[in-house]
PDB file of N, CA and C in Angstrom:
ATOM      1  N   MET A   1       1.702  33.463   2.804  1.00  0.00           N
ATOM      2  CA  MET A   1       1.972  32.075   3.162  1.00  0.00           C
ATOM      3  C   MET A   1       1.454  31.163   2.039  1.00  0.00           C
ATOM      4  N   LYS A   2       2.277  30.198   1.649  1.00  0.00           N
ATOM      5  CA  LYS A   2       1.902  29.242   0.598  1.00  0.00           C
ATOM      6  C   LYS A   2       0.824  28.291   1.091  1.00  0.00           C
ATOM      7  N   LYS A   3      -0.071  27.964   0.202  1.00  0.00           N
ATOM      8  CA  LYS A   3      -1.152  27.037   0.536  1.00  0.00           C
ATOM      9  C   LYS A   3      -0.931  25.691  -0.137  1.00  0.00           C
ATOM     10  N   TYR A   4       0.339  25.327  -0.327  1.00  0.00           N
ATOM     11  CA  TYR A   4       0.676  24.027  -0.902  1.00  0.00           C
ATOM     12  C   TYR A   4       2.057  23.605  -0.401  1.00  0.00           C
ATOM     13  N   THR A   5       2.310  22.326  -0.500  1.00  0.00           N
ATOM     14  CA  THR A   5       3.605  21.763  -0.129  1.00  0.00           C
ATOM     15  C   THR A   5       4.027  20.782  -1.200  1.00  0.00           C
ATOM     16  N   VAL A   6       5.208  20.953  -1.743  1.00  0.00           N
ATOM     17  CA  VAL A   6       5.757  20.015  -2.716  1.00  0.00           C
ATOM     18  C   VAL A   6       6.599  18.998  -1.954  1.00  0.00           C
ATOM     19  N   GLN A   7       6.317  17.732  -2.174  1.00  0.00           N
ATOM     20  CA  GLN A   7       7.081  16.675  -1.504  1.00  0.00           C
ATOM     21  C   GLN A   7       8.098  16.108  -2.484  1.00  0.00           C
ATOM     22  N   SER A   8       9.353  16.342  -2.227  1.00  0.00           N
ATOM     23  CA  SER A   8      10.407  15.812  -3.105  1.00  0.00           C
ATOM     24  C   SER A   8      11.369  14.904  -2.351  1.00  0.00           C
ATOM     25  N   ALA A   9      11.100  14.675  -1.067  1.00  0.00           N
ATOM     26  CA  ALA A   9      11.953  13.800  -0.267  1.00  0.00           C
ATOM     27  C   ALA A   9      11.067  12.876   0.568  1.00  0.00           C
ATOM     28  N   PRO A  10      10.421  11.882  -0.071  1.00  0.00           N
ATOM     29  CA  PRO A  10       9.537  10.984   0.691  1.00  0.00           C
ATOM     30  C   PRO A  10      10.323  10.170   1.710  1.00  0.00           C
ATOM     31  N   PHE A  11       9.604   9.706   2.735  1.00  0.00           N
ATOM     32  CA  PHE A  11      10.196   8.824   3.733  1.00  0.00           C
ATOM     33  C   PHE A  11      10.275   7.424   3.140  1.00  0.00           C
ATOM     34  N   VAL A  12      11.472   6.853   3.091  1.00  0.00           N
ATOM     35  CA  VAL A  12      11.647   5.488   2.586  1.00  0.00           C
ATOM     36  C   VAL A  12      11.545   4.540   3.780  1.00  0.00           C
ATOM     37  N   VAL A  13      10.500   3.731   3.757  1.00  0.00           N
ATOM     38  CA  VAL A  13      10.237   2.809   4.857  1.00  0.00           C
ATOM     39  C   VAL A  13      11.226   1.656   4.773  1.00  0.00           C
ATOM     40  N   PRO A  14      11.955   1.374   5.865  1.00  0.00           N
ATOM     41  CA  PRO A  14      12.879   0.236   5.839  1.00  0.00           C
ATOM     42  C   PRO A  14      12.106  -1.084   5.734  1.00  0.00           C
ATOM     43  N   THR A  15      12.527  -1.947   4.817  1.00  0.00           N
ATOM     44  CA  THR A  15      11.893  -3.249   4.650  1.00  0.00           C
ATOM     45  C   THR A  15      12.952  -4.336   4.593  1.00  0.00           C
ATOM     46  N   THR A  16      12.530  -5.570   4.802  1.00  0.00           N
ATOM     47  CA  THR A  16      13.446  -6.713   4.713  1.00  0.00           C
ATOM     48  C   THR A  16      13.028  -7.677   3.619  1.00  0.00           C
ATOM     49  N   ASP A  17      11.959  -7.324   2.875  1.00  0.00           N
ATOM     50  CA  ASP A  17      11.411  -8.245   1.877  1.00  0.00           C
ATOM     51  C   ASP A  17      11.639  -7.792   0.437  1.00  0.00           C
ATOM     52  N   GLY A  18      12.486  -6.771   0.230  1.00  0.00           N
ATOM     53  CA  GLY A  18      12.787  -6.303  -1.119  1.00  0.00           C
ATOM     54  C   GLY A  18      11.797  -5.313  -1.690  1.00  0.00           C
ATOM     55  N   LYS A  19      10.753  -4.981  -0.937  1.00  0.00           N
ATOM     56  CA  LYS A  19       9.734  -4.042  -1.411  1.00  0.00           C
ATOM     57  C   LYS A  19      10.188  -2.607  -1.153  1.00  0.00           C
ATOM     58  N   LEU A  20      10.008  -1.748  -2.143  1.00  0.00           N
ATOM     59  CA  LEU A  20      10.295  -0.324  -1.994  1.00  0.00           C
ATOM     60  C   LEU A  20       9.010   0.381  -1.567  1.00  0.00           C
ATOM     61  N   ILE A  21       9.096   1.132  -0.472  1.00  0.00           N
ATOM     62  CA  ILE A  21       7.960   1.922   0.000  1.00  0.00           C
ATOM     63  C   ILE A  21       8.450   3.347   0.221  1.00  0.00           C
ATOM     64  N   GLU A  22       7.904   4.276  -0.560  1.00  0.00           N
ATOM     65  CA  GLU A  22       8.221   5.690  -0.415  1.00  0.00           C
ATOM     66  C   GLU A  22       6.949   6.421   0.000  1.00  0.00           C
ATOM     67  N   GLU A  23       6.870   6.797   1.269  1.00  0.00           N
ATOM     68  CA  GLU A  23       5.689   7.515   1.733  1.00  0.00           C
ATOM     69  C   GLU A  23       5.864   9.001   1.453  1.00  0.00           C
ATOM     70  N   HIS A  24       4.997   9.545   0.610  1.00  0.00           N
ATOM     71  CA  HIS A  24       5.060  10.965   0.253  1.00  0.00           C
ATOM     72  C   HIS A  24       4.306  11.823   1.258  1.00  0.00           C
ATOM     73  N   HIS A  25       3.179  11.333   1.727  1.00  0.00           N
ATOM     74  CA  HIS A  25       2.395  12.033   2.738  1.00  0.00           C
ATOM     75  C   HIS A  25       1.850  10.994   3.696  1.00  0.00           C
ATOM     76  N   GLY A  26       1.861  11.305   4.980  1.00  0.00           N
ATOM     77  CA  GLY A  26       1.383  10.381   5.995  1.00  0.00           C
ATOM     78  C   GLY A  26       2.086  10.625   7.312  1.00  0.00           C
ATOM     79  N   LEU A  27       1.901   9.734   8.249  1.00  0.00           N
ATOM     80  CA  LEU A  27       2.473   9.911   9.584  1.00  0.00           C
ATOM     81  C   LEU A  27       3.993   9.956   9.571  1.00  0.00           C
ATOM     82  N   ALA A  28       4.616   9.029   8.869  1.00  0.00           N
ATOM     83  CA  ALA A  28       6.084   8.943   8.883  1.00  0.00           C
ATOM     84  C   ALA A  28       6.752  10.100   8.147  1.00  0.00           C
ATOM     85  N   SER A  29       6.115  10.602   7.087  1.00  0.00           N
ATOM     86  CA  SER A  29       6.751  11.625   6.247  1.00  0.00           C
ATOM     87  C   SER A  29       6.374  13.053   6.617  1.00  0.00           C
ATOM     88  N   THR A  30       5.091  13.306   6.847  1.00  0.00           N
ATOM     89  CA  THR A  30       4.630  14.682   7.066  1.00  0.00           C
ATOM     90  C   THR A  30       3.817  14.846   8.340  1.00  0.00           C
ATOM     91  N   GLY A  31       3.590  13.759   9.062  1.00  0.00           N
ATOM     92  CA  GLY A  31       2.799  13.828  10.289  1.00  0.00           C
ATOM     93  C   GLY A  31       1.301  13.860  10.042  1.00  0.00           C
ATOM     94  N   ASN A  32       0.880  13.650   8.802  1.00  0.00           N
ATOM     95  CA  ASN A  32      -0.539  13.682   8.446  1.00  0.00           C
ATOM     96  C   ASN A  32      -1.231  12.421   8.964  1.00  0.00           C
ATOM     97  N   LYS A  33      -2.209  12.583   9.843  1.00  0.00           N
ATOM     98  CA  LYS A  33      -2.949  11.448  10.398  1.00  0.00           C
ATOM     99  C   LYS A  33      -4.177  11.093   9.559  1.00  0.00           C
ATOM    100  N   THR A  34      -4.594  12.008   8.684  1.00  0.00           N
ATOM    101  CA  THR A  34      -5.819  11.841   7.923  1.00  0.00           C
ATOM    102  C   THR A  34      -5.684  10.839   6.791  1.00  0.00           C
ATOM    103  N   LEU A  35      -4.553  10.901   6.072  1.00  0.00           N
ATOM    104  CA  LEU A  35      -4.328   9.977   4.968  1.00  0.00           C
ATOM    105  C   LEU A  35      -2.845   9.786   4.738  1.00  0.00           C
ATOM    106  N   SER A  36      -2.528   8.704   4.050  1.00  0.00           N
ATOM    107  CA  SER A  36      -1.145   8.480   3.615  1.00  0.00           C
ATOM    108  C   SER A  36      -1.163   8.138   2.135  1.00  0.00           C
ATOM    109  N   ILE A  37      -0.127   8.592   1.446  1.00  0.00           N
ATOM    110  CA  ILE A  37       0.062   8.297   0.026  1.00  0.00           C
ATOM    111  C   ILE A  37       1.469   7.741  -0.124  1.00  0.00           C
ATOM    112  N   ALA A  38       1.565   6.540  -0.702  1.00  0.00           N
ATOM    113  CA  ALA A  38       2.870   5.899  -0.863  1.00  0.00           C
ATOM    114  C   ALA A  38       3.023   5.348  -2.274  1.00  0.00           C
ATOM    115  N   HIS A  39       4.243   5.477  -2.787  1.00  0.00           N
ATOM    116  CA  HIS A  39       4.648   4.870  -4.060  1.00  0.00           C
ATOM    117  C   HIS A  39       5.377   3.590  -3.686  1.00  0.00           C
ATOM    118  N   MET A  40       5.009   2.476  -4.309  1.00  0.00           N
ATOM    119  CA  MET A  40       5.596   1.191  -3.937  1.00  0.00           C
ATOM    120  C   MET A  40       5.980   0.383  -5.160  1.00  0.00           C
ATOM    121  N   ILE A  41       7.015  -0.430  -4.986  1.00  0.00           N
ATOM    122  CA  ILE A  41       7.398  -1.417  -5.997  1.00  0.00           C
ATOM    123  C   ILE A  41       7.594  -2.739  -5.269  1.00  0.00           C
ATOM    124  N   ALA A  42       6.720  -3.711  -5.610  1.00  0.00           N
ATOM    125  CA  ALA A  42       6.781  -5.044  -5.006  1.00  0.00           C
ATOM    126  C   ALA A  42       7.509  -5.977  -5.971  1.00  0.00           C
ATOM    127  N   PRO A  43       8.588  -6.618  -5.513  1.00  0.00           N
ATOM    128  CA  PRO A  43       9.329  -7.511  -6.403  1.00  0.00           C
ATOM    129  C   PRO A  43       8.560  -8.796  -6.701  1.00  0.00           C
ATOM    130  N   PRO A  44       8.921  -9.506  -7.769  1.00  0.00           N
ATOM    131  CA  PRO A  44       8.290 -10.792  -8.049  1.00  0.00           C
ATOM    132  C   PRO A  44       8.423 -11.726  -6.844  1.00  0.00           C
ATOM    133  N   GLY A  45       7.354 -12.445  -6.533  1.00  0.00           N
ATOM    134  CA  GLY A  45       7.381 -13.402  -5.426  1.00  0.00           C
ATOM    135  C   GLY A  45       7.100 -12.797  -4.064  1.00  0.00           C
ATOM    136  N   TRP A  46       6.893 -11.495  -3.971  1.00  0.00           N
ATOM    137  CA  TRP A  46       6.663 -10.817  -2.694  1.00  0.00           C
ATOM    138  C   TRP A  46       5.260 -11.116  -2.170  1.00  0.00           C
ATOM    139  N   SER A  47       5.132 -11.201  -0.853  1.00  0.00           N
ATOM    140  CA  SER A  47       3.803 -11.286  -0.229  1.00  0.00           C
ATOM    141  C   SER A  47       3.895 -10.805   1.207  1.00  0.00           C
ATOM    142  N   GLU A  48       2.751 -10.410   1.754  1.00  0.00           N
ATOM    143  CA  GLU A  48       2.644 -10.014   3.153  1.00  0.00           C
ATOM    144  C   GLU A  48       1.710 -10.995   3.850  1.00  0.00           C
ATOM    145  N   PRO A  49       1.784 -11.066   5.181  1.00  0.00           N
ATOM    146  CA  PRO A  49       0.823 -11.903   5.905  1.00  0.00           C
ATOM    147  C   PRO A  49      -0.586 -11.330   5.768  1.00  0.00           C
ATOM    148  N   PHE A  50      -1.583 -12.149   6.023  1.00  0.00           N
ATOM    149  CA  PHE A  50      -2.954 -11.652   6.068  1.00  0.00           C
ATOM    150  C   PHE A  50      -3.051 -10.572   7.144  1.00  0.00           C
ATOM    151  N   GLN A  51      -3.962  -9.632   6.937  1.00  0.00           N
ATOM    152  CA  GLN A  51      -4.181  -8.565   7.900  1.00  0.00           C
ATOM    153  C   GLN A  51      -5.642  -8.145   7.895  1.00  0.00           C
ATOM    154  N   ASN A  52      -6.022  -7.385   8.912  1.00  0.00           N
ATOM    155  CA  ASN A  52      -7.391  -6.892   9.062  1.00  0.00           C
ATOM    156  C   ASN A  52      -7.300  -5.417   9.446  1.00  0.00           C
ATOM    157  N   PRO A  53      -7.029  -4.530   8.463  1.00  0.00           N
ATOM    158  CA  PRO A  53      -6.724  -3.136   8.771  1.00  0.00           C
ATOM    159  C   PRO A  53      -7.923  -2.312   9.263  1.00  0.00           C
ATOM    160  N   GLU A  54      -7.584  -1.290  10.055  1.00  0.00           N
ATOM    161  CA  GLU A  54      -8.554  -0.318  10.553  1.00  0.00           C
ATOM    162  C   GLU A  54      -8.575   0.931   9.664  1.00  0.00           C
ATOM    163  N   PHE A  55      -8.212   0.798   8.399  1.00  0.00           N
ATOM    164  CA  PHE A  55      -8.223   1.925   7.466  1.00  0.00           C
ATOM    165  C   PHE A  55      -8.679   1.421   6.105  1.00  0.00           C
ATOM    166  N   ASP A  56      -9.255   2.322   5.315  1.00  0.00           N
ATOM    167  CA  ASP A  56      -9.592   2.010   3.929  1.00  0.00           C
ATOM    168  C   ASP A  56      -8.311   2.162   3.117  1.00  0.00           C
ATOM    169  N   GLU A  57      -8.107   1.287   2.131  1.00  0.00           N
ATOM    170  CA  GLU A  57      -6.911   1.399   1.286  1.00  0.00           C
ATOM    171  C   GLU A  57      -7.306   1.402  -0.185  1.00  0.00           C
ATOM    172  N   TYR A  58      -6.836   2.431  -0.880  1.00  0.00           N
ATOM    173  CA  TYR A  58      -7.031   2.590  -2.315  1.00  0.00           C
ATOM    174  C   TYR A  58      -5.713   2.243  -2.987  1.00  0.00           C
ATOM    175  N   THR A  59      -5.746   1.406  -4.016  1.00  0.00           N
ATOM    176  CA  THR A  59      -4.537   1.013  -4.735  1.00  0.00           C
ATOM    177  C   THR A  59      -4.730   1.270  -6.220  1.00  0.00           C
ATOM    178  N   TYR A  60      -3.725   1.883  -6.843  1.00  0.00           N
ATOM    179  CA  TYR A  60      -3.705   2.101  -8.288  1.00  0.00           C
ATOM    180  C   TYR A  60      -2.433   1.465  -8.834  1.00  0.00           C
ATOM    181  N   VAL A  61      -2.578   0.511  -9.756  1.00  0.00           N
ATOM    182  CA  VAL A  61      -1.422  -0.196 -10.321  1.00  0.00           C
ATOM    183  C   VAL A  61      -0.902   0.582 -11.532  1.00  0.00           C
ATOM    184  N   ILE A  62       0.395   0.910 -11.485  1.00  0.00           N
ATOM    185  CA  ILE A  62       1.057   1.653 -12.562  1.00  0.00           C
ATOM    186  C   ILE A  62       1.660   0.688 -13.583  1.00  0.00           C
ATOM    187  N   LYS A  63       2.389  -0.328 -13.088  1.00  0.00           N
ATOM    188  CA  LYS A  63       3.028  -1.332 -13.952  1.00  0.00           C
ATOM    189  C   LYS A  63       2.916  -2.693 -13.285  1.00  0.00           C
ATOM    190  N   GLY A  64       2.807  -3.727 -14.104  1.00  0.00           N
ATOM    191  CA  GLY A  64       2.757  -5.086 -13.581  1.00  0.00           C
ATOM    192  C   GLY A  64       1.366  -5.459 -13.087  1.00  0.00           C
ATOM    193  N   LYS A  65       1.329  -6.455 -12.176  1.00  0.00           N
ATOM    194  CA  LYS A  65       0.072  -6.955 -11.608  1.00  0.00           C
ATOM    195  C   LYS A  65       0.256  -7.148 -10.105  1.00  0.00           C
ATOM    196  N   LYS A  66      -0.854  -7.030  -9.380  1.00  0.00           N
ATOM    197  CA  LYS A  66      -0.842  -7.243  -7.934  1.00  0.00           C
ATOM    198  C   LYS A  66      -2.040  -8.112  -7.576  1.00  0.00           C
ATOM    199  N   GLN A  67      -1.796  -9.078  -6.690  1.00  0.00           N
ATOM    200  CA  GLN A  67      -2.864  -9.983  -6.260  1.00  0.00           C
ATOM    201  C   GLN A  67      -3.344  -9.611  -4.864  1.00  0.00           C
ATOM    202  N   PHE A  68      -4.664  -9.689  -4.673  1.00  0.00           N
ATOM    203  CA  PHE A  68      -5.300  -9.435  -3.390  1.00  0.00           C
ATOM    204  C   PHE A  68      -6.161 -10.648  -3.065  1.00  0.00           C
ATOM    205  N   ILE A  69      -6.096 -11.133  -1.839  1.00  0.00           N
ATOM    206  CA  ILE A  69      -7.075 -12.108  -1.357  1.00  0.00           C
ATOM    207  C   ILE A  69      -7.880 -11.351  -0.316  1.00  0.00           C
ATOM    208  N   ILE A  70      -9.162 -11.089  -0.641  1.00  0.00           N
ATOM    209  CA  ILE A  70     -10.021 -10.243   0.182  1.00  0.00           C
ATOM    210  C   ILE A  70     -11.185 -11.093   0.682  1.00  0.00           C
ATOM    211  N   ASP A  71     -11.209 -11.338   1.984  1.00  0.00           N
ATOM    212  CA  ASP A  71     -12.269 -12.163   2.578  1.00  0.00           C
ATOM    213  C   ASP A  71     -12.464 -13.458   1.791  1.00  0.00           C
ATOM    214  N   GLY A  72     -11.355 -14.091   1.382  1.00  0.00           N
ATOM    215  CA  GLY A  72     -11.388 -15.381   0.704  1.00  0.00           C
ATOM    216  C   GLY A  72     -11.494 -15.313  -0.806  1.00  0.00           C
ATOM    217  N   GLU A  73     -11.706 -14.137  -1.384  1.00  0.00           N
ATOM    218  CA  GLU A  73     -11.822 -13.989  -2.838  1.00  0.00           C
ATOM    219  C   GLU A  73     -10.525 -13.438  -3.417  1.00  0.00           C
ATOM    220  N   THR A  74     -10.022 -14.070  -4.484  1.00  0.00           N
ATOM    221  CA  THR A  74      -8.798 -13.612  -5.130  1.00  0.00           C
ATOM    222  C   THR A  74      -9.124 -12.628  -6.242  1.00  0.00           C
ATOM    223  N   VAL A  75      -8.461 -11.461  -6.182  1.00  0.00           N
ATOM    224  CA  VAL A  75      -8.624 -10.401  -7.181  1.00  0.00           C
ATOM    225  C   VAL A  75      -7.238 -10.040  -7.686  1.00  0.00           C
ATOM    226  N   VAL A  76      -7.078  -9.938  -9.020  1.00  0.00           N
ATOM    227  CA  VAL A  76      -5.807  -9.524  -9.610  1.00  0.00           C
ATOM    228  C   VAL A  76      -6.033  -8.212 -10.347  1.00  0.00           C
ATOM    229  N   LEU A  77      -5.230  -7.213 -10.007  1.00  0.00           N
ATOM    230  CA  LEU A  77      -5.278  -5.918 -10.691  1.00  0.00           C
ATOM    231  C   LEU A  77      -4.112  -5.820 -11.658  1.00  0.00           C
ATOM    232  N   GLU A  78      -4.365  -5.220 -12.806  1.00  0.00           N
ATOM    233  CA  GLU A  78      -3.332  -4.982 -13.806  1.00  0.00           C
ATOM    234  C   GLU A  78      -3.112  -3.486 -13.948  1.00  0.00           C
ATOM    235  N   ALA A  79      -2.052  -3.103 -14.657  1.00  0.00           N
ATOM    236  CA  ALA A  79      -1.726  -1.701 -14.859  1.00  0.00           C
ATOM    237  C   ALA A  79      -2.941  -0.944 -15.375  1.00  0.00           C
ATOM    238  N   GLY A  80      -3.192   0.222 -14.776  1.00  0.00           N
ATOM    239  CA  GLY A  80      -4.315   1.053 -15.169  1.00  0.00           C
ATOM    240  C   GLY A  80      -5.588   0.785 -14.382  1.00  0.00           C
ATOM    241  N   GLN A  81      -5.578  -0.228 -13.517  1.00  0.00           N
ATOM    242  CA  GLN A  81      -6.753  -0.543 -12.701  1.00  0.00           C
ATOM    243  C   GLN A  81      -6.531  -0.097 -11.261  1.00  0.00           C
ATOM    244  N   SER A  82      -7.646   0.130 -10.563  1.00  0.00           N
ATOM    245  CA  SER A  82      -7.565   0.510  -9.159  1.00  0.00           C
ATOM    246  C   SER A  82      -8.639  -0.228  -8.365  1.00  0.00           C
ATOM    247  N   ILE A  83      -8.481  -0.193  -7.047  1.00  0.00           N
ATOM    248  CA  ILE A  83      -9.414  -0.869  -6.148  1.00  0.00           C
ATOM    249  C   ILE A  83      -9.458  -0.093  -4.841  1.00  0.00           C
ATOM    250  N   VAL A  84     -10.583  -0.155  -4.152  1.00  0.00           N
ATOM    251  CA  VAL A  84     -10.671   0.329  -2.778  1.00  0.00           C
ATOM    252  C   VAL A  84     -11.120  -0.848  -1.925  1.00  0.00           C
ATOM    253  N   ILE A  85     -10.428  -1.045  -0.821  1.00  0.00           N
ATOM    254  CA  ILE A  85     -10.748  -2.125   0.107  1.00  0.00           C
ATOM    255  C   ILE A  85     -11.103  -1.474   1.438  1.00  0.00           C
ATOM    256  N   GLN A  86     -12.307  -1.747   1.895  1.00  0.00           N
ATOM    257  CA  GLN A  86     -12.799  -1.101   3.107  1.00  0.00           C
ATOM    258  C   GLN A  86     -12.169  -1.708   4.346  1.00  0.00           C
ATOM    259  N   LYS A  87     -12.000  -0.849   5.362  1.00  0.00           N
ATOM    260  CA  LYS A  87     -11.453  -1.311   6.629  1.00  0.00           C
ATOM    261  C   LYS A  87     -12.265  -2.483   7.151  1.00  0.00           C
ATOM    262  N   GLY A  88     -11.593  -3.385   7.850  1.00  0.00           N
ATOM    263  CA  GLY A  88     -12.264  -4.541   8.415  1.00  0.00           C
ATOM    264  C   GLY A  88     -12.235  -5.784   7.548  1.00  0.00           C
ATOM    265  N   ALA A  89     -11.816  -5.644   6.282  1.00  0.00           N
ATOM    266  CA  ALA A  89     -11.695  -6.824   5.419  1.00  0.00           C
ATOM    267  C   ALA A  89     -10.442  -7.600   5.814  1.00  0.00           C
ATOM    268  N   ARG A  90     -10.516  -8.918   5.738  1.00  0.00           N
ATOM    269  CA  ARG A  90      -9.311  -9.744   5.928  1.00  0.00           C
ATOM    270  C   ARG A  90      -8.645  -9.836   4.558  1.00  0.00           C
ATOM    271  N   ILE A  91      -7.393  -9.395   4.474  1.00  0.00           N
ATOM    272  CA  ILE A  91      -6.744  -9.242   3.174  1.00  0.00           C
ATOM    273  C   ILE A  91      -5.292  -9.687   3.207  1.00  0.00           C
ATOM    274  N   GLN A  92      -4.861 -10.223   2.067  1.00  0.00           N
ATOM    275  CA  GLN A  92      -3.437 -10.494   1.851  1.00  0.00           C
ATOM    276  C   GLN A  92      -3.053  -9.855   0.526  1.00  0.00           C
ATOM    277  N   TYR A  93      -1.945  -9.120   0.554  1.00  0.00           N
ATOM    278  CA  TYR A  93      -1.384  -8.498  -0.641  1.00  0.00           C
ATOM    279  C   TYR A  93      -0.197  -9.335  -1.109  1.00  0.00           C
ATOM    280  N   SER A  94      -0.059  -9.533  -2.447  1.00  0.00           N
ATOM    281  CA  SER A  94       1.098 -10.284  -2.948  1.00  0.00           C
ATOM    282  C   SER A  94       1.358  -9.970  -4.411  1.00  0.00           C
ATOM    283  N   ASN A  95       2.544 -10.355  -4.844  1.00  0.00           N
ATOM    284  CA  ASN A  95       2.930 -10.289  -6.250  1.00  0.00           C
ATOM    285  C   ASN A  95       3.523 -11.641  -6.622  1.00  0.00           C
ATOM    286  N   PRO A  96       2.673 -12.623  -6.963  1.00  0.00           N
ATOM    287  CA  PRO A  96       3.172 -13.951  -7.325  1.00  0.00           C
ATOM    288  C   PRO A  96       3.620 -14.026  -8.785  1.00  0.00           C
ATOM    289  N   PHE A  97       3.720 -12.885  -9.447  1.00  0.00           N
ATOM    290  CA  PHE A  97       4.008 -12.844 -10.878  1.00  0.00           C
ATOM    291  C   PHE A  97       5.506 -12.674 -11.138  1.00  0.00           C
ATOM    292  N   ASN A  98       5.908 -12.765 -12.411  1.00  0.00           N
ATOM    293  CA  ASN A  98       7.327 -12.771 -12.789  1.00  0.00           C
ATOM    294  C   ASN A  98       7.914 -11.400 -13.050  1.00  0.00           C
ATOM    295  N   GLU A  99       7.170 -10.329 -12.744  1.00  0.00           N
ATOM    296  CA  GLU A  99       7.674  -8.978 -12.964  1.00  0.00           C
ATOM    297  C   GLU A  99       7.344  -8.117 -11.755  1.00  0.00           C
ATOM    298  N   PRO A 100       8.123  -7.050 -11.522  1.00  0.00           N
ATOM    299  CA  PRO A 100       7.801  -6.156 -10.411  1.00  0.00           C
ATOM    300  C   PRO A 100       6.431  -5.505 -10.616  1.00  0.00           C
ATOM    301  N   CYS A 101       5.805  -5.125  -9.526  1.00  0.00           N
ATOM    302  CA  CYS A 101       4.536  -4.398  -9.573  1.00  0.00           C
ATOM    303  C   CYS A 101       4.757  -3.021  -8.955  1.00  0.00           C
ATOM    304  N   GLU A 102       4.523  -1.989  -9.748  1.00  0.00           N
ATOM    305  CA  GLU A 102       4.637  -0.612  -9.265  1.00  0.00           C
ATOM    306  C   GLU A 102       3.233  -0.073  -9.055  1.00  0.00           C
ATOM    307  N   TYR A 103       2.995   0.528  -7.885  1.00  0.00           N
ATOM    308  CA  TYR A 103       1.652   1.014  -7.585  1.00  0.00           C
ATOM    309  C   TYR A 103       1.676   2.149  -6.574  1.00  0.00           C
ATOM    310  N   LEU A 104       0.536   2.831  -6.481  1.00  0.00           N
ATOM    311  CA  LEU A 104       0.311   3.856  -5.472  1.00  0.00           C
ATOM    312  C   LEU A 104      -0.723   3.338  -4.500  1.00  0.00           C
ATOM    313  N   ALA A 105      -0.523   3.622  -3.216  1.00  0.00           N
ATOM    314  CA  ALA A 105      -1.488   3.240  -2.190  1.00  0.00           C
ATOM    315  C   ALA A 105      -1.852   4.476  -1.374  1.00  0.00           C
ATOM    316  N   VAL A 106      -3.147   4.644  -1.155  1.00  0.00           N
ATOM    317  CA  VAL A 106      -3.665   5.736  -0.333  1.00  0.00           C
ATOM    318  C   VAL A 106      -4.473   5.098   0.788  1.00  0.00           C
ATOM    319  N   CYS A 107      -4.145   5.446   2.032  1.00  0.00           N
ATOM    320  CA  CYS A 107      -4.867   4.910   3.186  1.00  0.00           C
ATOM    321  C   CYS A 107      -5.557   6.050   3.932  1.00  0.00           C
ATOM    322  N   THR A 108      -6.813   5.805   4.320  1.00  0.00           N
ATOM    323  CA  THR A 108      -7.551   6.768   5.135  1.00  0.00           C
ATOM    324  C   THR A 108      -8.185   6.042   6.311  1.00  0.00           C
ATOM    325  N   PRO A 109      -7.887   6.392   7.553  1.00  0.00           N
ATOM    326  CA  PRO A 109      -6.853   7.346   7.936  1.00  0.00           C
ATOM    327  C   PRO A 109      -5.476   6.833   7.553  1.00  0.00           C
ATOM    328  N   ALA A 110      -4.448   7.603   7.856  1.00  0.00           N
ATOM    329  CA  ALA A 110      -3.084   7.270   7.444  1.00  0.00           C
ATOM    330  C   ALA A 110      -2.659   5.892   7.947  1.00  0.00           C
ATOM    331  N   PHE A 111      -1.820   5.218   7.136  1.00  0.00           N
ATOM    332  CA  PHE A 111      -1.293   3.900   7.498  1.00  0.00           C
ATOM    333  C   PHE A 111      -0.509   3.984   8.810  1.00  0.00           C
ATOM    334  N   GLN A 112      -0.791   3.046   9.681  1.00  0.00           N
ATOM    335  CA  GLN A 112       0.005   2.804  10.883  1.00  0.00           C
ATOM    336  C   GLN A 112       0.122   1.293  11.019  1.00  0.00           C
ATOM    337  N   LEU A 113       1.306   0.791  11.226  1.00  0.00           N
ATOM    338  CA  LEU A 113       1.515  -0.653  11.323  1.00  0.00           C
ATOM    339  C   LEU A 113       0.613  -1.273  12.390  1.00  0.00           C
ATOM    340  N   GLU A 114       0.445  -0.577  13.525  1.00  0.00           N
ATOM    341  CA  GLU A 114      -0.383  -1.115  14.608  1.00  0.00           C
ATOM    342  C   GLU A 114      -1.841  -1.253  14.181  1.00  0.00           C
ATOM    343  N   MET A 115      -2.273  -0.451  13.216  1.00  0.00           N
ATOM    344  CA  MET A 115      -3.668  -0.499  12.752  1.00  0.00           C
ATOM    345  C   MET A 115      -3.885  -1.523  11.638  1.00  0.00           C
ATOM    346  N   ALA A 116      -2.796  -2.140  11.144  1.00  0.00           N
ATOM    347  CA  ALA A 116      -2.910  -3.134  10.071  1.00  0.00           C
ATOM    348  C   ALA A 116      -3.338  -4.492  10.619  1.00  0.00           C
ATOM    349  N   HIS A 117      -2.992  -4.779  11.862  1.00  0.00           N
ATOM    350  CA  HIS A 117      -3.354  -6.045  12.505  1.00  0.00           C
ATOM    351  C   HIS A 117      -2.925  -7.238  11.657  1.00  0.00           C
ATOM    352  N   ARG A 118      -1.630  -7.310  11.368  1.00  0.00           N
ATOM    353  CA  ARG A 118      -1.094  -8.428  10.580  1.00  0.00           C
ATOM    354  C   ARG A 118      -1.080  -9.715  11.391  1.00  0.00           C
ATOM    355  N   GLU A 119      -1.435 -10.797  10.721  1.00  0.00           N
ATOM    356  CA  GLU A 119      -1.406 -12.108  11.367  1.00  0.00           C
ATOM    357  C   GLU A 119       0.024 -12.642  11.308  1.00  0.00           C
ATOM    358  N   GLU A 120       0.380 -13.384  12.314  1.00  0.00           N
ATOM    359  CA  GLU A 120       1.737 -13.961  12.348  1.00  0.00           C
ATOM    360  C   GLU A 120       1.744 -15.377  11.843  1.00  0.00           C
TER     361      GLU A 120
END
């Protein structure tokens, strides 16, 4: 029995905001509750509502820049930089810049929309 799994068909999360989300491992793609790994591309001008997630999120920026507002502090990551944001932080993710932002996101435990607690 093989002790590895190659993921070549990630689950593409349907979105209405132009953002590409390809979950390679996680609840939607492999049923993994422990963590999720997603490849994302956020278009220029994209943003999400503030949220207060019940999971830690690690982000690594591949291309472009991504803005985070974390408990009132603005942080901008550029290509080659990463960040970990602990569960319970009030956060907004956005790309207010003129180029797409490509990044990887890892959530522990795995991302679930109900656990993100997005503000309306």
